[in-house]
């Protein structure tokens, strides 16, 4: 399969989105701030960094579509749960880990050669 790593990354993102959505829909009152901080500003960016390195190690052309998918997932999570978009700040927490992960993955790819 030609696009195996890309499909794995998209599947991990979809599973992470689904888990966070179910978790967010079952929040008790007052837990929204902690949930938003943990998912949007820590777990999603860490996953983005790891998966970007994973993709850049294979083929750099997959990183941009993956960044768009992660941006959409991170942007729609607050919309589905709280009814608001946070485009500006989420863009930073998506694109910076994608850039760093891409550099790490490309560096690992060069070291393997």
N, C-alpha and C. Protein backbone atom coordinates (compact mmCIF):
# COMPACT_ATOMS: atom_id res chain seq x y z
N UNK A 1 0.84 -1.18 0.00
CA UNK A 1 0.00 0.00 0.00
C UNK A 1 0.89 1.25 0.00
N UNK A 2 0.64 2.12 -0.94
CA UNK A 2 1.50 3.26 -1.18
C UNK A 2 1.41 4.34 -0.10
N UNK A 3 0.23 4.59 0.40
CA UNK A 3 0.00 5.68 1.35
C UNK A 3 -0.24 5.16 2.76
N UNK A 4 0.43 4.12 3.14
CA UNK A 4 0.17 3.44 4.41
C UNK A 4 0.38 4.36 5.62
N UNK A 5 1.50 5.06 5.68
CA UNK A 5 1.77 5.93 6.83
C UNK A 5 0.77 7.08 6.92
N UNK A 6 0.39 7.63 5.78
CA UNK A 6 -0.59 8.72 5.78
C UNK A 6 -1.93 8.22 6.30
N UNK A 7 -2.37 7.06 5.85
CA UNK A 7 -3.64 6.51 6.31
C UNK A 7 -3.61 6.16 7.79
N UNK A 8 -2.48 5.66 8.27
CA UNK A 8 -2.33 5.39 9.71
C UNK A 8 -2.43 6.69 10.50
N UNK A 9 -1.79 7.73 10.03
CA UNK A 9 -1.83 9.02 10.72
C UNK A 9 -3.24 9.61 10.74
N UNK A 10 -3.95 9.49 9.64
CA UNK A 10 -5.32 9.99 9.59
C UNK A 10 -6.22 9.15 10.51
N UNK A 11 -6.01 7.84 10.55
CA UNK A 11 -6.80 6.99 11.43
C UNK A 11 -6.54 7.32 12.90
N UNK A 12 -5.29 7.57 13.25
CA UNK A 12 -4.95 7.95 14.63
C UNK A 12 -5.61 9.28 14.98
N UNK A 13 -5.58 10.22 14.06
CA UNK A 13 -6.22 11.52 14.29
C UNK A 13 -7.72 11.37 14.46
N UNK A 14 -8.35 10.56 13.62
CA UNK A 14 -9.79 10.34 13.74
C UNK A 14 -10.15 9.65 15.05
N UNK A 15 -9.35 8.68 15.45
CA UNK A 15 -9.61 8.00 16.73
C UNK A 15 -9.42 8.95 17.90
N UNK A 16 -8.38 9.76 17.85
CA UNK A 16 -8.14 10.74 18.91
C UNK A 16 -9.29 11.75 18.98
N UNK A 17 -9.74 12.21 17.83
CA UNK A 17 -10.86 13.15 17.78
C UNK A 17 -12.12 12.52 18.38
N UNK A 18 -12.39 11.27 18.03
CA UNK A 18 -13.58 10.58 18.55
C UNK A 18 -13.50 10.39 20.06
N UNK A 19 -12.34 10.00 20.56
CA UNK A 19 -12.17 9.81 22.01
C UNK A 19 -12.36 11.13 22.74
N UNK A 20 -11.75 12.20 22.22
CA UNK A 20 -11.88 13.50 22.87
C UNK A 20 -13.30 14.02 22.79
N UNK A 21 -14.00 13.73 21.70
CA UNK A 21 -15.38 14.17 21.56
C UNK A 21 -16.28 13.47 22.57
N UNK A 22 -16.12 12.16 22.71
CA UNK A 22 -16.91 11.41 23.69
C UNK A 22 -16.58 11.88 25.10
N UNK A 23 -15.29 12.08 25.36
CA UNK A 23 -14.86 12.55 26.68
C UNK A 23 -15.45 13.94 26.94
N UNK A 24 -15.41 14.81 25.96
CA UNK A 24 -15.92 16.17 26.12
C UNK A 24 -17.42 16.23 26.30
N UNK A 25 -18.14 15.34 25.65
CA UNK A 25 -19.59 15.33 25.80
C UNK A 25 -20.03 14.79 27.15
N UNK A 26 -19.16 14.11 27.86
CA UNK A 26 -19.48 13.55 29.17
C UNK A 26 -18.85 14.34 30.32
N UNK A 27 -18.53 15.60 30.08
CA UNK A 27 -17.91 16.42 31.12
C UNK A 27 -18.93 16.82 32.18
N UNK A 28 -18.45 16.95 33.40
CA UNK A 28 -19.28 17.51 34.46
C UNK A 28 -19.14 19.03 34.40
N UNK A 29 -20.03 19.72 35.04
CA UNK A 29 -19.97 21.18 35.06
C UNK A 29 -18.68 21.68 35.68
N UNK A 30 -18.04 22.64 35.03
CA UNK A 30 -16.80 23.22 35.53
C UNK A 30 -15.53 22.55 35.04
N UNK A 31 -15.65 21.47 34.29
CA UNK A 31 -14.48 20.75 33.81
C UNK A 31 -14.04 21.19 32.41
N UNK A 32 -14.76 22.12 31.82
CA UNK A 32 -14.50 22.50 30.43
C UNK A 32 -13.12 23.13 30.24
N UNK A 33 -12.71 23.96 31.17
CA UNK A 33 -11.42 24.64 31.03
C UNK A 33 -10.27 23.64 31.05
N UNK A 34 -10.29 22.72 31.99
CA UNK A 34 -9.24 21.71 32.05
C UNK A 34 -9.24 20.82 30.83
N UNK A 35 -10.41 20.44 30.38
CA UNK A 35 -10.52 19.61 29.18
C UNK A 35 -9.93 20.34 27.97
N UNK A 36 -10.30 21.62 27.81
CA UNK A 36 -9.79 22.39 26.68
C UNK A 36 -8.29 22.55 26.71
N UNK A 37 -7.75 22.81 27.89
CA UNK A 37 -6.30 22.96 28.01
C UNK A 37 -5.57 21.65 27.73
N UNK A 38 -6.08 20.56 28.28
CA UNK A 38 -5.42 19.26 28.10
C UNK A 38 -5.47 18.81 26.66
N UNK A 39 -6.63 18.86 26.05
CA UNK A 39 -6.76 18.32 24.69
C UNK A 39 -6.22 19.26 23.63
N UNK A 40 -6.69 20.50 23.63
CA UNK A 40 -6.37 21.41 22.54
C UNK A 40 -4.93 21.92 22.60
N UNK A 41 -4.42 22.12 23.80
CA UNK A 41 -3.11 22.76 23.92
C UNK A 41 -2.01 21.82 24.37
N UNK A 42 -2.32 20.55 24.63
CA UNK A 42 -1.26 19.61 24.99
C UNK A 42 -1.33 18.32 24.17
N UNK A 43 -2.42 17.56 24.27
CA UNK A 43 -2.47 16.25 23.63
C UNK A 43 -2.51 16.32 22.10
N UNK A 44 -3.34 17.19 21.54
CA UNK A 44 -3.37 17.33 20.08
C UNK A 44 -2.02 17.79 19.52
N UNK A 45 -1.36 18.82 20.10
CA UNK A 45 -0.05 19.21 19.56
C UNK A 45 1.02 18.13 19.69
N UNK A 46 1.02 17.38 20.79
CA UNK A 46 2.01 16.31 20.94
C UNK A 46 1.78 15.23 19.89
N UNK A 47 0.53 14.87 19.68
CA UNK A 47 0.21 13.88 18.64
C UNK A 47 0.58 14.41 17.26
N UNK A 48 0.33 15.68 17.02
CA UNK A 48 0.68 16.29 15.75
C UNK A 48 2.19 16.24 15.51
N UNK A 49 2.96 16.54 16.53
CA UNK A 49 4.42 16.50 16.42
C UNK A 49 4.90 15.10 16.09
N UNK A 50 4.42 14.11 16.81
CA UNK A 50 4.85 12.72 16.60
C UNK A 50 4.44 12.22 15.22
N UNK A 51 3.19 12.46 14.83
CA UNK A 51 2.73 11.97 13.54
C UNK A 51 3.38 12.72 12.37
N UNK A 52 3.70 14.00 12.56
CA UNK A 52 4.40 14.73 11.50
C UNK A 52 5.80 14.18 11.29
N UNK A 53 6.47 13.85 12.38
CA UNK A 53 7.80 13.22 12.25
C UNK A 53 7.68 11.87 11.57
N UNK A 54 6.65 11.12 11.92
CA UNK A 54 6.38 9.81 11.33
C UNK A 54 6.16 9.95 9.82
N UNK A 55 5.38 10.96 9.41
CA UNK A 55 5.11 11.16 7.98
C UNK A 55 6.31 11.71 7.23
N UNK A 56 7.02 12.66 7.82
CA UNK A 56 8.17 13.25 7.14
C UNK A 56 9.28 12.24 6.96
N UNK A 57 9.32 11.24 7.82
CA UNK A 57 10.31 10.17 7.69
C UNK A 57 10.02 9.35 6.43
N UNK A 58 8.77 9.31 6.01
CA UNK A 58 8.38 8.56 4.83
C UNK A 58 8.41 9.45 3.58
N UNK A 59 7.56 10.47 3.56
CA UNK A 59 7.46 11.33 2.38
C UNK A 59 6.95 12.70 2.81
N UNK A 60 7.67 13.74 2.44
CA UNK A 60 7.31 15.09 2.85
C UNK A 60 6.00 15.58 2.24
N UNK A 61 5.59 15.02 1.13
CA UNK A 61 4.36 15.46 0.47
C UNK A 61 3.11 15.17 1.31
N UNK A 62 3.20 14.25 2.25
CA UNK A 62 2.04 13.91 3.08
C UNK A 62 1.85 14.88 4.24
N UNK A 63 2.83 15.68 4.54
CA UNK A 63 2.78 16.52 5.74
C UNK A 63 1.75 17.64 5.60
N UNK A 64 1.63 18.26 4.44
CA UNK A 64 0.69 19.37 4.28
C UNK A 64 -0.76 18.91 4.36
N UNK A 65 -1.18 17.84 3.68
CA UNK A 65 -2.56 17.38 3.89
C UNK A 65 -2.82 16.96 5.33
N UNK A 66 -1.81 16.38 5.97
CA UNK A 66 -1.97 15.99 7.37
C UNK A 66 -2.14 17.22 8.25
N UNK A 67 -1.39 18.29 7.98
CA UNK A 67 -1.52 19.52 8.76
C UNK A 67 -2.93 20.10 8.62
N UNK A 68 -3.49 20.03 7.42
CA UNK A 68 -4.86 20.53 7.21
C UNK A 68 -5.86 19.69 7.99
N UNK A 69 -5.68 18.38 8.01
CA UNK A 69 -6.58 17.50 8.75
C UNK A 69 -6.48 17.76 10.25
N UNK A 70 -5.27 17.91 10.75
CA UNK A 70 -5.09 18.20 12.19
C UNK A 70 -5.67 19.56 12.55
N UNK A 71 -5.50 20.55 11.68
CA UNK A 71 -6.06 21.87 11.93
C UNK A 71 -7.58 21.79 12.01
N UNK A 72 -8.18 21.05 11.09
CA UNK A 72 -9.64 20.89 11.11
C UNK A 72 -10.10 20.16 12.37
N UNK A 73 -9.39 19.12 12.75
CA UNK A 73 -9.77 18.37 13.96
C UNK A 73 -9.66 19.24 15.20
N UNK A 74 -8.58 20.00 15.31
CA UNK A 74 -8.40 20.86 16.47
C UNK A 74 -9.37 22.03 16.46
N UNK A 75 -9.78 22.47 15.30
CA UNK A 75 -10.69 23.59 15.21
C UNK A 75 -12.13 23.18 15.47
N UNK A 76 -12.52 22.00 15.02
CA UNK A 76 -13.90 21.57 15.19
C UNK A 76 -14.20 21.00 16.58
N UNK A 77 -13.18 20.59 17.32
CA UNK A 77 -13.42 20.07 18.67
C UNK A 77 -14.11 21.11 19.56
N UNK A 78 -13.58 22.34 19.70
CA UNK A 78 -14.29 23.32 20.51
C UNK A 78 -15.66 23.69 19.93
N UNK A 79 -15.78 23.64 18.60
CA UNK A 79 -17.07 23.96 17.99
C UNK A 79 -18.14 22.93 18.38
N UNK A 80 -17.80 21.66 18.30
CA UNK A 80 -18.77 20.62 18.64
C UNK A 80 -19.13 20.63 20.13
N UNK A 81 -18.17 20.95 20.96
CA UNK A 81 -18.40 20.88 22.40
C UNK A 81 -18.90 22.19 23.00
N UNK A 82 -18.36 23.31 22.56
CA UNK A 82 -18.67 24.58 23.21
C UNK A 82 -19.35 25.59 22.29
N UNK A 83 -19.44 25.28 20.99
CA UNK A 83 -20.10 26.17 20.05
C UNK A 83 -19.27 27.37 19.64
N UNK A 84 -17.93 27.26 19.72
CA UNK A 84 -17.08 28.39 19.34
C UNK A 84 -15.85 27.91 18.59
N UNK A 85 -15.33 28.79 17.75
CA UNK A 85 -14.09 28.51 17.04
C UNK A 85 -12.97 29.31 17.68
N UNK A 86 -11.77 28.76 17.69
CA UNK A 86 -10.59 29.44 18.22
C UNK A 86 -9.48 29.38 17.17
N UNK A 87 -9.72 29.93 16.01
CA UNK A 87 -8.86 29.73 14.86
C UNK A 87 -7.43 30.24 15.07
N UNK A 88 -7.26 31.43 15.58
CA UNK A 88 -5.93 32.04 15.67
C UNK A 88 -4.96 31.27 16.54
N UNK A 89 -5.35 30.99 17.76
CA UNK A 89 -4.45 30.31 18.68
C UNK A 89 -4.25 28.84 18.30
N UNK A 90 -5.28 28.21 17.80
CA UNK A 90 -5.17 26.81 17.40
C UNK A 90 -4.24 26.67 16.20
N UNK A 91 -4.21 27.66 15.33
CA UNK A 91 -3.30 27.61 14.19
C UNK A 91 -1.85 27.50 14.66
N UNK A 92 -1.52 28.24 15.73
CA UNK A 92 -0.16 28.16 16.28
C UNK A 92 0.11 26.78 16.86
N UNK A 93 -0.87 26.23 17.56
CA UNK A 93 -0.68 24.94 18.20
C UNK A 93 -0.80 23.78 17.22
N UNK A 94 -1.14 24.05 15.98
CA UNK A 94 -1.12 23.01 14.94
C UNK A 94 0.12 23.15 14.08
N UNK A 95 0.39 24.33 13.60
CA UNK A 95 1.45 24.51 12.61
C UNK A 95 2.85 24.44 13.19
N UNK A 96 3.04 24.90 14.41
CA UNK A 96 4.37 24.82 15.02
C UNK A 96 4.77 23.36 15.25
N UNK A 97 3.91 22.50 15.84
CA UNK A 97 4.30 21.08 15.96
C UNK A 97 4.49 20.38 14.62
N UNK A 98 3.70 20.77 13.61
CA UNK A 98 3.89 20.18 12.28
C UNK A 98 5.27 20.55 11.74
N UNK A 99 5.66 21.79 11.88
CA UNK A 99 6.97 22.24 11.40
C UNK A 99 8.10 21.53 12.15
N UNK A 100 8.01 21.48 13.47
CA UNK A 100 9.05 20.83 14.27
C UNK A 100 9.10 19.33 13.97
N UNK A 101 7.94 18.69 13.88
CA UNK A 101 7.90 17.26 13.57
C UNK A 101 8.45 16.96 12.19
N UNK A 102 8.18 17.84 11.23
CA UNK A 102 8.72 17.66 9.89
C UNK A 102 10.24 17.74 9.89
N UNK A 103 10.77 18.70 10.63
CA UNK A 103 12.23 18.80 10.73
C UNK A 103 12.84 17.57 11.39
N UNK A 104 12.20 17.08 12.43
CA UNK A 104 12.70 15.88 13.11
C UNK A 104 12.65 14.68 12.18
N UNK A 105 11.50 14.49 11.50
CA UNK A 105 11.36 13.36 10.58
C UNK A 105 12.34 13.42 9.42
N UNK A 106 12.53 14.63 8.87
CA UNK A 106 13.49 14.76 7.76
C UNK A 106 14.92 14.51 8.24
N UNK A 107 15.22 14.94 9.45
CA UNK A 107 16.54 14.67 10.02
C UNK A 107 16.79 13.20 10.25
N UNK A 108 15.78 12.50 10.74
CA UNK A 108 15.90 11.06 10.95
C UNK A 108 16.07 10.35 9.61
N UNK A 109 15.33 10.81 8.59
CA UNK A 109 15.44 10.20 7.26
C UNK A 109 16.84 10.37 6.69
N UNK A 110 17.44 11.55 6.90
CA UNK A 110 18.81 11.77 6.40
C UNK A 110 19.81 10.95 7.18
N UNK A 111 19.60 10.76 8.47
CA UNK A 111 20.52 9.94 9.27
C UNK A 111 20.46 8.47 8.87
N UNK A 112 19.30 8.01 8.41
CA UNK A 112 19.15 6.61 8.00
C UNK A 112 19.93 6.32 6.72
N UNK A 113 20.07 7.32 5.87
CA UNK A 113 20.74 7.11 4.57
C UNK A 113 22.18 6.95 4.75
